[in-house]
Amino acid sequence: HFFGGAEMTLLIAMAFDRYVAICKPLHYRTIMSRRLLNGL
């Protein structure tokens, strides 16, 4: 349940990443910064 719960959250983060990449491509690098990625 530890690894399952972590993967559940990570899949949501990956969905958010695809949303930013496709819907806001000009701001992708700014929004998906290293700090945000580490936080996710």
PDB file of all heavy atoms in Angstrom:
ATOM      1  N   HIS A   1       0.824  -1.208   0.000  1.00  0.00           N
ATOM      2  CA  HIS A   1       0.000   0.000   0.000  1.00  0.00           C
ATOM      3  C   HIS A   1       0.860   1.261   0.000  1.00  0.00           C
ATOM      4  O   HIS A   1       0.416   2.315  -0.471  1.00  0.00           O
ATOM      5  CB  HIS A   1      -0.945  -0.014   1.202  1.00  0.00           C
ATOM      6  CG  HIS A   1      -2.096  -0.952   1.022  1.00  0.00           C
ATOM      7  ND1 HIS A   1      -3.296  -0.579   0.454  1.00  0.00           N
ATOM      8  CD2 HIS A   1      -2.217  -2.275   1.308  1.00  0.00           C
ATOM      9  CE1 HIS A   1      -4.110  -1.611   0.415  1.00  0.00           C
ATOM     10  NE2 HIS A   1      -3.481  -2.656   0.922  1.00  0.00           N
ATOM     11  N   PHE A   2       2.073   1.160   0.505  1.00  0.00           N
ATOM     12  CA  PHE A   2       2.990   2.299   0.464  1.00  0.00           C
ATOM     13  C   PHE A   2       3.368   2.637  -0.971  1.00  0.00           C
ATOM     14  O   PHE A   2       3.189   3.768  -1.437  1.00  0.00           O
ATOM     15  CB  PHE A   2       4.239   1.985   1.286  1.00  0.00           C
ATOM     16  CG  PHE A   2       5.355   2.980   1.109  1.00  0.00           C
ATOM     17  CD1 PHE A   2       5.154   4.335   1.358  1.00  0.00           C
ATOM     18  CD2 PHE A   2       6.610   2.561   0.697  1.00  0.00           C
ATOM     19  CE1 PHE A   2       6.189   5.253   1.195  1.00  0.00           C
ATOM     20  CE2 PHE A   2       7.642   3.478   0.534  1.00  0.00           C
ATOM     21  CZ  PHE A   2       7.435   4.814   0.775  1.00  0.00           C
ATOM     22  N   PHE A   3       3.872   1.646  -1.696  1.00  0.00           N
ATOM     23  CA  PHE A   3       4.263   1.883  -3.087  1.00  0.00           C
ATOM     24  C   PHE A   3       3.048   2.123  -3.980  1.00  0.00           C
ATOM     25  O   PHE A   3       3.103   2.919  -4.924  1.00  0.00           O
ATOM     26  CB  PHE A   3       5.091   0.707  -3.621  1.00  0.00           C
ATOM     27  CG  PHE A   3       6.436   0.567  -2.975  1.00  0.00           C
ATOM     28  CD1 PHE A   3       6.780  -0.587  -2.297  1.00  0.00           C
ATOM     29  CD2 PHE A   3       7.363   1.597  -3.041  1.00  0.00           C
ATOM     30  CE1 PHE A   3       8.023  -0.721  -1.696  1.00  0.00           C
ATOM     31  CE2 PHE A   3       8.608   1.481  -2.438  1.00  0.00           C
ATOM     32  CZ  PHE A   3       8.936   0.314  -1.760  1.00  0.00           C
ATOM     33  N   GLY A   4       1.920   1.446  -3.684  1.00  0.00           N
ATOM     34  CA  GLY A   4       0.703   1.665  -4.460  1.00  0.00           C
ATOM     35  C   GLY A   4       0.166   3.069  -4.298  1.00  0.00           C
ATOM     36  O   GLY A   4      -0.232   3.711  -5.271  1.00  0.00           O
ATOM     37  N   GLY A   5       0.145   3.578  -3.057  1.00  0.00           N
ATOM     38  CA  GLY A   5      -0.319   4.947  -2.818  1.00  0.00           C
ATOM     39  C   GLY A   5       0.585   5.978  -3.457  1.00  0.00           C
ATOM     40  O   GLY A   5       0.111   6.990  -4.004  1.00  0.00           O
ATOM     41  N   ALA A   6       1.898   5.727  -3.415  1.00  0.00           N
ATOM     42  CA  ALA A   6       2.841   6.646  -4.053  1.00  0.00           C
ATOM     43  C   ALA A   6       2.653   6.666  -5.568  1.00  0.00           C
ATOM     44  O   ALA A   6       2.670   7.734  -6.198  1.00  0.00           O
ATOM     45  CB  ALA A   6       4.275   6.242  -3.703  1.00  0.00           C
ATOM     46  N   GLU A   7       2.450   5.488  -6.167  1.00  0.00           N
ATOM     47  CA  GLU A   7       2.270   5.422  -7.619  1.00  0.00           C
ATOM     48  C   GLU A   7       0.963   6.080  -8.044  1.00  0.00           C
ATOM     49  O   GLU A   7       0.886   6.709  -9.103  1.00  0.00           O
ATOM     50  CB  GLU A   7       2.314   3.968  -8.085  1.00  0.00           C
ATOM     51  CG  GLU A   7       2.237   3.826  -9.597  1.00  0.00           C
ATOM     52  CD  GLU A   7       2.650   2.455 -10.085  1.00  0.00           C
ATOM     53  OE1 GLU A   7       3.390   1.750  -9.373  1.00  0.00           O
ATOM     54  OE2 GLU A   7       2.237   2.088 -11.206  1.00  0.00           O
ATOM     55  N   MET A   8      -0.055   5.955  -7.208  1.00  0.00           N
ATOM     56  CA  MET A   8      -1.338   6.595  -7.497  1.00  0.00           C
ATOM     57  C   MET A   8      -1.163   8.108  -7.653  1.00  0.00           C
ATOM     58  O   MET A   8      -1.665   8.725  -8.601  1.00  0.00           O
ATOM     59  CB  MET A   8      -2.313   6.278  -6.359  1.00  0.00           C
ATOM     60  CG  MET A   8      -3.772   6.477  -6.674  1.00  0.00           C
ATOM     61  SD  MET A   8      -4.795   6.084  -5.234  1.00  0.00           S
ATOM     62  CE  MET A   8      -4.321   4.380  -4.952  1.00  0.00           C
ATOM     63  N   THR A   9      -0.433   8.698  -6.719  1.00  0.00           N
ATOM     64  CA  THR A   9      -0.193  10.139  -6.750  1.00  0.00           C
ATOM     65  C   THR A   9       0.701  10.517  -7.926  1.00  0.00           C
ATOM     66  O   THR A   9       0.498  11.549  -8.572  1.00  0.00           O
ATOM     67  CB  THR A   9       0.463  10.599  -5.441  1.00  0.00           C
ATOM     68  OG1 THR A   9      -0.307  10.130  -4.339  1.00  0.00           O
ATOM     69  CG2 THR A   9       0.559  12.115  -5.378  1.00  0.00           C
ATOM     70  N   LEU A  10       1.687   9.673  -8.216  1.00  0.00           N
ATOM     71  CA  LEU A  10       2.604   9.973  -9.323  1.00  0.00           C
ATOM     72  C   LEU A  10       1.882   9.949 -10.668  1.00  0.00           C
ATOM     73  O   LEU A  10       2.186  10.757 -11.556  1.00  0.00           O
ATOM     74  CB  LEU A  10       3.753   8.962  -9.326  1.00  0.00           C
ATOM     75  CG  LEU A  10       4.914   9.292 -10.264  1.00  0.00           C
ATOM     76  CD1 LEU A  10       5.631  10.566  -9.810  1.00  0.00           C
ATOM     77  CD2 LEU A  10       5.912   8.135 -10.330  1.00  0.00           C
ATOM     78  N   LEU A  11       0.919   9.063 -10.831  1.00  0.00           N
ATOM     79  CA  LEU A  11       0.151   9.022 -12.081  1.00  0.00           C
ATOM     80  C   LEU A  11      -0.677  10.289 -12.261  1.00  0.00           C
ATOM     81  O   LEU A  11      -0.868  10.768 -13.387  1.00  0.00           O
ATOM     82  CB  LEU A  11      -0.749   7.779 -12.098  1.00  0.00           C
ATOM     83  CG  LEU A  11      -0.027   6.444 -12.278  1.00  0.00           C
ATOM     84  CD1 LEU A  11      -0.991   5.283 -12.093  1.00  0.00           C
ATOM     85  CD2 LEU A  11       0.641   6.364 -13.650  1.00  0.00           C
ATOM     86  N   ILE A  12      -1.178  10.841 -11.167  1.00  0.00           N
ATOM     87  CA  ILE A  12      -1.881  12.126 -11.245  1.00  0.00           C
ATOM     88  C   ILE A  12      -0.910  13.228 -11.647  1.00  0.00           C
ATOM     89  O   ILE A  12      -1.243  14.104 -12.458  1.00  0.00           O
ATOM     90  CB  ILE A  12      -2.542  12.452  -9.893  1.00  0.00           C
ATOM     91  CG1 ILE A  12      -3.630  11.414  -9.578  1.00  0.00           C
ATOM     92  CG2 ILE A  12      -3.140  13.851  -9.896  1.00  0.00           C
ATOM     93  CD1 ILE A  12      -4.279  11.600  -8.223  1.00  0.00           C
ATOM     94  N   ALA A  13       0.308  13.197 -11.097  1.00  0.00           N
ATOM     95  CA  ALA A  13       1.330  14.180 -11.465  1.00  0.00           C
ATOM     96  C   ALA A  13       1.688  14.070 -12.946  1.00  0.00           C
ATOM     97  O   ALA A  13       1.887  15.092 -13.626  1.00  0.00           O
ATOM     98  CB  ALA A  13       2.580  13.985 -10.610  1.00  0.00           C
ATOM     99  N   MET A  14       1.749  12.850 -13.463  1.00  0.00           N
ATOM    100  CA  MET A  14       2.048  12.659 -14.884  1.00  0.00           C
ATOM    101  C   MET A  14       0.917  13.183 -15.754  1.00  0.00           C
ATOM    102  O   MET A  14       1.154  13.724 -16.852  1.00  0.00           O
ATOM    103  CB  MET A  14       2.315  11.181 -15.170  1.00  0.00           C
ATOM    104  CG  MET A  14       3.569  10.645 -14.491  1.00  0.00           C
ATOM    105  SD  MET A  14       3.877   8.888 -14.787  1.00  0.00           S
ATOM    106  CE  MET A  14       4.393   8.917 -16.511  1.00  0.00           C
ATOM    107  N   ALA A  15      -0.327  13.048 -15.296  1.00  0.00           N
ATOM    108  CA  ALA A  15      -1.460  13.600 -16.035  1.00  0.00           C
ATOM    109  C   ALA A  15      -1.374  15.124 -16.067  1.00  0.00           C
ATOM    110  O   ALA A  15      -1.645  15.755 -17.101  1.00  0.00           O
ATOM    111  CB  ALA A  15      -2.767  13.144 -15.406  1.00  0.00           C
ATOM    112  N   PHE A  16      -0.998  15.730 -14.944  1.00  0.00           N
ATOM    113  CA  PHE A  16      -0.827  17.183 -14.893  1.00  0.00           C
ATOM    114  C   PHE A  16       0.303  17.628 -15.815  1.00  0.00           C
ATOM    115  O   PHE A  16       0.191  18.659 -16.506  1.00  0.00           O
ATOM    116  CB  PHE A  16      -0.533  17.615 -13.454  1.00  0.00           C
ATOM    117  CG  PHE A  16      -0.230  19.088 -13.313  1.00  0.00           C
ATOM    118  CD1 PHE A  16      -1.237  20.028 -13.447  1.00  0.00           C
ATOM    119  CD2 PHE A  16       1.068  19.526 -13.062  1.00  0.00           C
ATOM    120  CE1 PHE A  16      -0.961  21.389 -13.326  1.00  0.00           C
ATOM    121  CE2 PHE A  16       1.348  20.880 -12.936  1.00  0.00           C
ATOM    122  CZ  PHE A  16       0.336  21.816 -13.061  1.00  0.00           C
ATOM    123  N   ASP A  17       1.365  16.863 -15.861  1.00  0.00           N
ATOM    124  CA  ASP A  17       2.489  17.172 -16.752  1.00  0.00           C
ATOM    125  C   ASP A  17       2.035  17.187 -18.203  1.00  0.00           C
ATOM    126  O   ASP A  17       2.403  18.088 -18.974  1.00  0.00           O
ATOM    127  CB  ASP A  17       3.598  16.145 -16.550  1.00  0.00           C
ATOM    128  CG  ASP A  17       4.691  16.260 -17.604  1.00  0.00           C
ATOM    129  OD1 ASP A  17       5.512  17.193 -17.511  1.00  0.00           O
ATOM    130  OD2 ASP A  17       4.718  15.413 -18.530  1.00  0.00           O
ATOM    131  N   ARG A  18       1.238  16.204 -18.606  1.00  0.00           N
ATOM    132  CA  ARG A  18       0.751  16.155 -19.997  1.00  0.00           C
ATOM    133  C   ARG A  18      -0.211  17.308 -20.279  1.00  0.00           C
ATOM    134  O   ARG A  18      -0.247  17.835 -21.397  1.00  0.00           O
ATOM    135  CB  ARG A  18       0.062  14.815 -20.258  1.00  0.00           C
ATOM    136  CG  ARG A  18       0.988  13.621 -20.316  1.00  0.00           C
ATOM    137  CD  ARG A  18       2.042  13.746 -21.399  1.00  0.00           C
ATOM    138  NE  ARG A  18       3.207  14.525 -20.953  1.00  0.00           N
ATOM    139  CZ  ARG A  18       4.051  15.133 -21.766  1.00  0.00           C
ATOM    140  NH1 ARG A  18       3.851  15.118 -23.063  1.00  0.00           N
ATOM    141  NH2 ARG A  18       5.085  15.810 -21.287  1.00  0.00           N
ATOM    142  N   TYR A  19      -0.998  17.702 -19.280  1.00  0.00           N
ATOM    143  CA  TYR A  19      -1.907  18.834 -19.459  1.00  0.00           C
ATOM    144  C   TYR A  19      -1.120  20.112 -19.742  1.00  0.00           C
ATOM    145  O   TYR A  19      -1.444  20.855 -20.678  1.00  0.00           O
ATOM    146  CB  TYR A  19      -2.773  19.016 -18.213  1.00  0.00           C
ATOM    147  CG  TYR A  19      -3.522  20.323 -18.192  1.00  0.00           C
ATOM    148  CD1 TYR A  19      -4.671  20.504 -18.949  1.00  0.00           C
ATOM    149  CD2 TYR A  19      -3.056  21.396 -17.417  1.00  0.00           C
ATOM    150  CE1 TYR A  19      -5.345  21.710 -18.943  1.00  0.00           C
ATOM    151  CE2 TYR A  19      -3.732  22.607 -17.404  1.00  0.00           C
ATOM    152  CZ  TYR A  19      -4.869  22.763 -18.169  1.00  0.00           C
ATOM    153  OH  TYR A  19      -5.534  23.976 -18.168  1.00  0.00           O
ATOM    154  N   VAL A  20      -0.099  20.365 -18.958  1.00  0.00           N
ATOM    155  CA  VAL A  20       0.711  21.572 -19.153  1.00  0.00           C
ATOM    156  C   VAL A  20       1.437  21.518 -20.485  1.00  0.00           C
ATOM    157  O   VAL A  20       1.508  22.519 -21.218  1.00  0.00           O
ATOM    158  CB  VAL A  20       1.715  21.745 -17.997  1.00  0.00           C
ATOM    159  CG1 VAL A  20       2.602  22.968 -18.236  1.00  0.00           C
ATOM    160  CG2 VAL A  20       0.975  21.889 -16.672  1.00  0.00           C
ATOM    161  N   ALA A  21       1.993  20.343 -20.831  1.00  0.00           N
ATOM    162  CA  ALA A  21       2.771  20.207 -22.068  1.00  0.00           C
ATOM    163  C   ALA A  21       1.913  20.443 -23.308  1.00  0.00           C
ATOM    164  O   ALA A  21       2.378  21.055 -24.284  1.00  0.00           O
ATOM    165  CB  ALA A  21       3.413  18.826 -22.133  1.00  0.00           C
ATOM    166  N   ILE A  22       0.665  19.999 -23.287  1.00  0.00           N
ATOM    167  CA  ILE A  22      -0.192  20.087 -24.476  1.00  0.00           C
ATOM    168  C   ILE A  22      -1.021  21.366 -24.487  1.00  0.00           C
ATOM    169  O   ILE A  22      -1.182  22.003 -25.533  1.00  0.00           O
ATOM    170  CB  ILE A  22      -1.097  18.846 -24.558  1.00  0.00           C
ATOM    171  CG1 ILE A  22      -0.237  17.586 -24.762  1.00  0.00           C
ATOM    172  CG2 ILE A  22      -2.116  18.980 -25.685  1.00  0.00           C
ATOM    173  CD1 ILE A  22      -1.020  16.298 -24.757  1.00  0.00           C
ATOM    174  N   CYS A  23      -1.531  21.755 -23.344  1.00  0.00           N
ATOM    175  CA  CYS A  23      -2.428  22.915 -23.297  1.00  0.00           C
ATOM    176  C   CYS A  23      -1.695  24.234 -23.052  1.00  0.00           C
ATOM    177  O   CYS A  23      -2.199  25.298 -23.419  1.00  0.00           O
ATOM    178  CB  CYS A  23      -3.487  22.713 -22.216  1.00  0.00           C
ATOM    179  SG  CYS A  23      -4.571  21.301 -22.508  1.00  0.00           S
ATOM    180  N   LYS A  24      -0.534  24.195 -22.438  1.00  0.00           N
ATOM    181  CA  LYS A  24       0.246  25.406 -22.173  1.00  0.00           C
ATOM    182  C   LYS A  24       1.714  25.183 -22.560  1.00  0.00           C
ATOM    183  O   LYS A  24       2.610  25.279 -21.704  1.00  0.00           O
ATOM    184  CB  LYS A  24       0.138  25.791 -20.694  1.00  0.00           C
ATOM    185  CG  LYS A  24      -1.283  26.063 -20.229  1.00  0.00           C
ATOM    186  CD  LYS A  24      -1.319  26.440 -18.751  1.00  0.00           C
ATOM    187  CE  LYS A  24      -2.744  26.663 -18.275  1.00  0.00           C
ATOM    188  NZ  LYS A  24      -3.407  27.804 -18.943  1.00  0.00           N
ATOM    189  N   PRO A  25       1.969  24.880 -23.834  1.00  0.00           N
ATOM    190  CA  PRO A  25       3.332  24.524 -24.248  1.00  0.00           C
ATOM    191  C   PRO A  25       4.355  25.644 -24.065  1.00  0.00           C
ATOM    192  O   PRO A  25       5.531  25.365 -23.779  1.00  0.00           O
ATOM    193  CB  PRO A  25       3.162  24.163 -25.731  1.00  0.00           C
ATOM    194  CG  PRO A  25       1.913  24.874 -26.160  1.00  0.00           C
ATOM    195  CD  PRO A  25       1.028  24.883 -24.969  1.00  0.00           C
ATOM    196  N   LEU A  26       3.947  26.900 -24.225  1.00  0.00           N
ATOM    197  CA  LEU A  26       4.888  28.016 -24.107  1.00  0.00           C
ATOM    198  C   LEU A  26       5.362  28.215 -22.669  1.00  0.00           C
ATOM    199  O   LEU A  26       6.439  28.779 -22.433  1.00  0.00           O
ATOM    200  CB  LEU A  26       4.251  29.300 -24.635  1.00  0.00           C
ATOM    201  CG  LEU A  26       3.855  29.298 -26.122  1.00  0.00           C
ATOM    202  CD1 LEU A  26       3.207  30.623 -26.502  1.00  0.00           C
ATOM    203  CD2 LEU A  26       5.071  29.024 -27.005  1.00  0.00           C
ATOM    204  N   HIS A  27       4.567  27.760 -21.716  1.00  0.00           N
ATOM    205  CA  HIS A  27       4.917  27.933 -20.298  1.00  0.00           C
ATOM    206  C   HIS A  27       5.338  26.612 -19.644  1.00  0.00           C
ATOM    207  O   HIS A  27       5.465  26.549 -18.426  1.00  0.00           O
ATOM    208  CB  HIS A  27       3.719  28.520 -19.532  1.00  0.00           C
ATOM    209  CG  HIS A  27       3.212  29.798 -20.110  1.00  0.00           C
ATOM    210  ND1 HIS A  27       3.860  31.006 -19.942  1.00  0.00           N
ATOM    211  CD2 HIS A  27       2.112  30.058 -20.872  1.00  0.00           C
ATOM    212  CE1 HIS A  27       3.175  31.958 -20.561  1.00  0.00           C
ATOM    213  NE2 HIS A  27       2.111  31.407 -21.133  1.00  0.00           N
ATOM    214  N   TYR A  28       5.545  25.586 -20.482  1.00  0.00           N
ATOM    215  CA  TYR A  28       5.793  24.247 -19.942  1.00  0.00           C
ATOM    216  C   TYR A  28       7.033  24.209 -19.047  1.00  0.00           C
ATOM    217  O   TYR A  28       6.979  23.741 -17.909  1.00  0.00           O
ATOM    218  CB  TYR A  28       5.943  23.253 -21.097  1.00  0.00           C
ATOM    219  CG  TYR A  28       6.231  21.831 -20.651  1.00  0.00           C
ATOM    220  CD1 TYR A  28       5.308  21.120 -19.891  1.00  0.00           C
ATOM    221  CD2 TYR A  28       7.421  21.199 -20.998  1.00  0.00           C
ATOM    222  CE1 TYR A  28       5.562  19.819 -19.484  1.00  0.00           C
ATOM    223  CE2 TYR A  28       7.687  19.898 -20.601  1.00  0.00           C
ATOM    224  CZ  TYR A  28       6.759  19.219 -19.845  1.00  0.00           C
ATOM    225  OH  TYR A  28       7.014  17.933 -19.440  1.00  0.00           O
ATOM    226  N   ARG A  29       8.161  24.693 -19.546  1.00  0.00           N
ATOM    227  CA  ARG A  29       9.407  24.640 -18.783  1.00  0.00           C
ATOM    228  C   ARG A  29       9.330  25.501 -17.522  1.00  0.00           C
ATOM    229  O   ARG A  29       9.927  25.164 -16.497  1.00  0.00           O
ATOM    230  CB  ARG A  29      10.568  25.098 -19.664  1.00  0.00           C
ATOM    231  CG  ARG A  29      10.967  24.091 -20.740  1.00  0.00           C
ATOM    232  CD  ARG A  29      11.649  22.898 -20.112  1.00  0.00           C
ATOM    233  NE  ARG A  29      12.091  21.934 -21.109  1.00  0.00           N
ATOM    234  CZ  ARG A  29      12.760  20.833 -20.834  1.00  0.00           C
ATOM    235  NH1 ARG A  29      13.053  20.550 -19.574  1.00  0.00           N
ATOM    236  NH2 ARG A  29      13.122  19.993 -21.789  1.00  0.00           N
ATOM    237  N   THR A  30       8.589  26.598 -17.605  1.00  0.00           N
ATOM    238  CA  THR A  30       8.472  27.472 -16.446  1.00  0.00           C
ATOM    239  C   THR A  30       7.631  26.830 -15.348  1.00  0.00           C
ATOM    240  O   THR A  30       7.987  26.862 -14.158  1.00  0.00           O
ATOM    241  CB  THR A  30       7.839  28.819 -16.849  1.00  0.00           C
ATOM    242  OG1 THR A  30       8.625  29.421 -17.882  1.00  0.00           O
ATOM    243  CG2 THR A  30       7.769  29.752 -15.655  1.00  0.00           C
ATOM    244  N   ILE A  31       6.487  26.235 -15.774  1.00  0.00           N
ATOM    245  CA  ILE A  31       5.592  25.621 -14.787  1.00  0.00           C
ATOM    246  C   ILE A  31       6.206  24.342 -14.223  1.00  0.00           C
ATOM    247  O   ILE A  31       6.261  24.153 -13.002  1.00  0.00           O
ATOM    248  CB  ILE A  31       4.221  25.339 -15.422  1.00  0.00           C
ATOM    249  CG1 ILE A  31       3.542  26.648 -15.844  1.00  0.00           C
ATOM    250  CG2 ILE A  31       3.329  24.565 -14.440  1.00  0.00           C
ATOM    251  CD1 ILE A  31       2.227  26.446 -16.577  1.00  0.00           C
ATOM    252  N   MET A  32       6.665  23.459 -15.119  1.00  0.00           N
ATOM    253  CA  MET A  32       7.219  22.172 -14.675  1.00  0.00           C
ATOM    254  C   MET A  32       8.703  22.335 -14.357  1.00  0.00           C
ATOM    255  O   MET A  32       9.576  21.724 -14.962  1.00  0.00           O
ATOM    256  CB  MET A  32       7.006  21.113 -15.756  1.00  0.00           C
ATOM    257  CG  MET A  32       5.553  20.866 -16.111  1.00  0.00           C
ATOM    258  SD  MET A  32       4.523  20.373 -14.692  1.00  0.00           S
ATOM    259  CE  MET A  32       5.263  18.810 -14.269  1.00  0.00           C
ATOM    260  N   SER A  33       8.967  23.156 -13.369  1.00  0.00           N
ATOM    261  CA  SER A  33      10.351  23.411 -12.955  1.00  0.00           C
ATOM    262  C   SER A  33      10.889  22.230 -12.151  1.00  0.00           C
ATOM    263  O   SER A  33      10.135  21.365 -11.697  1.00  0.00           O
ATOM    264  CB  SER A  33      10.409  24.680 -12.108  1.00  0.00           C
ATOM    265  OG  SER A  33       9.638  24.525 -10.924  1.00  0.00           O
ATOM    266  N   ARG A  34      12.201  22.214 -11.978  1.00  0.00           N
ATOM    267  CA  ARG A  34      12.817  21.155 -11.190  1.00  0.00           C
ATOM    268  C   ARG A  34      12.278  21.156  -9.757  1.00  0.00           C
ATOM    269  O   ARG A  34      12.084  20.102  -9.159  1.00  0.00           O
ATOM    270  CB  ARG A  34      14.331  21.337 -11.196  1.00  0.00           C
ATOM    271  CG  ARG A  34      15.089  20.371 -10.306  1.00  0.00           C
ATOM    272  CD  ARG A  34      14.856  18.918 -10.695  1.00  0.00           C
ATOM    273  NE  ARG A  34      15.372  18.618 -12.009  1.00  0.00           N
ATOM    274  CZ  ARG A  34      15.396  17.403 -12.539  1.00  0.00           C
ATOM    275  NH1 ARG A  34      14.890  16.386 -11.844  1.00  0.00           N
ATOM    276  NH2 ARG A  34      15.883  17.196 -13.746  1.00  0.00           N
ATOM    277  N   ARG A  35      12.021  22.335  -9.230  1.00  0.00           N
ATOM    278  CA  ARG A  35      11.502  22.431  -7.868  1.00  0.00           C
ATOM    279  C   ARG A  35      10.126  21.789  -7.766  1.00  0.00           C
ATOM    280  O   ARG A  35       9.849  21.053  -6.807  1.00  0.00           O
ATOM    281  CB  ARG A  35      11.435  23.907  -7.456  1.00  0.00           C
ATOM    282  CG  ARG A  35      10.927  24.127  -6.036  1.00  0.00           C
ATOM    283  CD  ARG A  35      10.947  25.613  -5.684  1.00  0.00           C
ATOM    284  NE  ARG A  35      10.459  25.842  -4.324  1.00  0.00           N
ATOM    285  CZ  ARG A  35      10.368  27.044  -3.769  1.00  0.00           C
ATOM    286  NH1 ARG A  35      10.744  28.127  -4.445  1.00  0.00           N
ATOM    287  NH2 ARG A  35       9.915  27.174  -2.535  1.00  0.00           N
ATOM    288  N   LEU A  36       9.256  22.070  -8.754  1.00  0.00           N
ATOM    289  CA  LEU A  36       7.927  21.477  -8.734  1.00  0.00           C
ATOM    290  C   LEU A  36       8.003  19.963  -8.912  1.00  0.00           C
ATOM    291  O   LEU A  36       7.280  19.210  -8.236  1.00  0.00           O
ATOM    292  CB  LEU A  36       7.057  22.078  -9.836  1.00  0.00           C
ATOM    293  CG  LEU A  36       5.639  21.504  -9.968  1.00  0.00           C
ATOM    294  CD1 LEU A  36       4.853  21.726  -8.675  1.00  0.00           C
ATOM    295  CD2 LEU A  36       4.904  22.104 -11.152  1.00  0.00           C
ATOM    296  N   LEU A  37       8.872  19.495  -9.805  1.00  0.00           N
ATOM    297  CA  LEU A  37       9.005  18.060 -10.036  1.00  0.00           C
ATOM    298  C   LEU A  37       9.458  17.335  -8.769  1.00  0.00           C
ATOM    299  O   LEU A  37       8.907  16.286  -8.412  1.00  0.00           O
ATOM    300  CB  LEU A  37       9.999  17.806 -11.174  1.00  0.00           C
ATOM    301  CG  LEU A  37       9.519  18.171 -12.578  1.00  0.00           C
ATOM    302  CD1 LEU A  37      10.661  18.052 -13.571  1.00  0.00           C
ATOM    303  CD2 LEU A  37       8.362  17.278 -13.005  1.00  0.00           C
ATOM    304  N   ASN A  38      10.459  17.885  -8.119  1.00  0.00           N
ATOM    305  CA  ASN A  38      10.912  17.283  -6.864  1.00  0.00           C
ATOM    306  C   ASN A  38       9.797  17.286  -5.822  1.00  0.00           C
ATOM    307  O   ASN A  38       9.631  16.320  -5.069  1.00  0.00           O
ATOM    308  CB  ASN A  38      12.134  18.031  -6.322  1.00  0.00           C
ATOM    309  CG  ASN A  38      13.362  17.829  -7.183  1.00  0.00           C
ATOM    310  OD1 ASN A  38      13.502  16.811  -7.869  1.00  0.00           O
ATOM    311  ND2 ASN A  38      14.276  18.791  -7.164  1.00  0.00           N
ATOM    312  N   GLY A  39       9.019  18.377  -5.796  1.00  0.00           N
ATOM    313  CA  GLY A  39       7.902  18.460  -4.854  1.00  0.00           C
ATOM    314  C   GLY A  39       6.836  17.413  -5.136  1.00  0.00           C
ATOM    315  O   GLY A  39       6.279  16.816  -4.208  1.00  0.00           O
ATOM    316  N   LEU A  40       6.550  17.174  -6.427  1.00  0.00           N
ATOM    317  CA  LEU A  40       5.551  16.175  -6.794  1.00  0.00           C
ATOM    318  C   LEU A  40       6.004  14.769  -6.408  1.00  0.00           C
ATOM    319  O   LEU A  40       5.204  13.950  -5.927  1.00  0.00           O
ATOM    320  CB  LEU A  40       5.273  16.239  -8.297  1.00  0.00           C
ATOM    321  CG  LEU A  40       4.521  17.485  -8.790  1.00  0.00           C
ATOM    322  CD1 LEU A  40       4.465  17.501 -10.308  1.00  0.00           C
ATOM    323  CD2 LEU A  40       3.119  17.535  -8.197  1.00  0.00           C
TER     324      LEU A  40
END
